[in-house]
Amino acid sequence: IMGIPHERDRLTPWNAEEAAKIRAQNPLTRVPILVLDDGERLIESGAILDHLMEMAGPERALIPPAGKARRDCLRISAFATGVM
């Protein structure tokens, strides 16, 4: 959607061998994890999306860059996350 090249490794915490690989990247054994080119790891969906939107620029970002429109979007996202 954002036109950012990436590699994807499908791992599940429900498989013991794969869970060990996940835990090596995130001690909470949770996915998703985004490993940046410099080795930094982002381990929370909101942080990952924020970074990707910053990379993509405002014309491809999924939420507005500032103001009430951004806060409204983040509020709706927080409710959706809570429901899940």
Protein backbone atom coordinates (compact mmCIF):
# COMPACT_ATOMS: atom_id res chain seq x y z
CA ILE A 1 0.00 0.00 0.00
CA MET A 2 2.82 2.40 0.87
CA GLY A 3 5.22 1.19 -1.80
CA ILE A 4 7.97 0.32 0.69
CA PRO A 5 10.09 -2.72 -0.29
CA HIS A 6 10.36 -5.31 2.46
CA GLU A 7 10.97 -8.96 3.26
CA ARG A 8 8.44 -10.93 5.24
CA ASP A 9 9.14 -13.87 7.53
CA ARG A 10 5.93 -15.58 8.65
CA LEU A 11 6.45 -16.87 12.17
CA THR A 12 3.87 -17.87 14.75
CA PRO A 13 4.26 -17.89 18.53
CA TRP A 14 2.16 -21.10 18.62
CA ASN A 15 5.01 -23.17 17.18
CA ALA A 16 7.80 -23.75 19.75
CA GLU A 17 10.67 -23.48 17.25
CA GLU A 18 9.24 -20.33 15.68
CA ALA A 19 8.44 -18.88 19.11
CA ALA A 20 12.14 -19.16 20.00
CA LYS A 21 13.00 -17.12 16.87
CA ILE A 22 10.40 -14.52 17.81
CA ARG A 23 11.64 -14.36 21.41
CA ALA A 24 15.17 -13.65 20.13
CA GLN A 25 13.76 -10.48 18.52
CA ASN A 26 11.11 -9.63 21.14
CA PRO A 27 11.27 -11.00 24.69
CA LEU A 28 7.46 -10.71 24.90
CA THR A 29 7.22 -13.35 22.13
CA ARG A 30 4.75 -11.19 20.24
CA VAL A 31 4.42 -10.35 16.58
CA PRO A 32 4.63 -8.25 14.48
CA ILE A 33 8.25 -7.18 14.70
CA LEU A 34 9.86 -4.78 12.25
CA VAL A 35 13.65 -5.03 12.05
CA LEU A 36 15.08 -1.85 10.55
CA ASP A 37 18.17 -1.77 8.34
CA ASP A 38 20.32 -0.62 11.28
CA GLY A 39 19.11 -3.54 13.45
CA GLU A 40 16.68 -1.51 15.58
CA ARG A 41 13.51 -3.50 16.32
CA LEU A 42 10.02 -2.06 16.54
CA ILE A 43 7.76 -4.45 18.45
CA GLU A 44 4.38 -2.72 18.67
CA SER A 45 1.98 -2.29 15.76
CA GLY A 46 1.42 1.41 16.40
CA ALA A 47 5.16 2.13 16.44
CA ILE A 48 5.66 0.06 13.29
CA LEU A 49 2.87 1.86 11.43
CA ASP A 50 4.09 5.26 12.60
CA HIS A 51 7.59 4.51 11.28
CA LEU A 52 6.26 3.23 7.95
CA MET A 53 4.02 6.27 7.49
CA GLU A 54 6.98 8.53 8.20
CA MET A 55 8.98 6.67 5.54
CA ALA A 56 6.13 6.76 3.00
CA GLY A 57 5.50 10.48 3.43
CA PRO A 58 2.24 12.37 3.93
CA GLU A 59 0.84 11.55 0.49
CA ARG A 60 0.82 7.80 1.28
CA ALA A 61 0.35 7.89 5.06
CA LEU A 62 -2.66 6.03 6.43
CA ILE A 63 -3.60 8.75 8.91
CA PRO A 64 -3.42 12.55 8.88
CA PRO A 65 -0.07 14.04 9.97
CA ALA A 66 -1.40 16.31 12.75
CA GLY A 67 -4.31 18.00 14.42
CA LYS A 68 -7.82 16.88 15.30
CA ALA A 69 -8.09 14.58 12.29
CA ARG A 70 -5.01 12.66 13.50
CA ARG A 71 -6.28 12.49 17.08
CA ASP A 72 -9.68 11.24 15.89
CA CYS A 73 -8.02 8.51 13.85
CA LEU A 74 -5.81 7.46 16.77
CA ARG A 75 -8.83 7.39 19.09
CA ILE A 76 -10.74 5.10 16.72
CA SER A 77 -7.65 2.92 16.39
CA ALA A 78 -7.35 2.68 20.19
CA PHE A 79 -10.98 1.56 20.47
CA ALA A 80 -10.47 -1.04 17.74
CA THR A 81 -7.33 -2.35 19.42
CA GLY A 82 -9.19 -2.60 22.73
CA VAL A 83 -12.04 -4.53 21.15
CA MET A 84 -9.63 -7.01 19.57
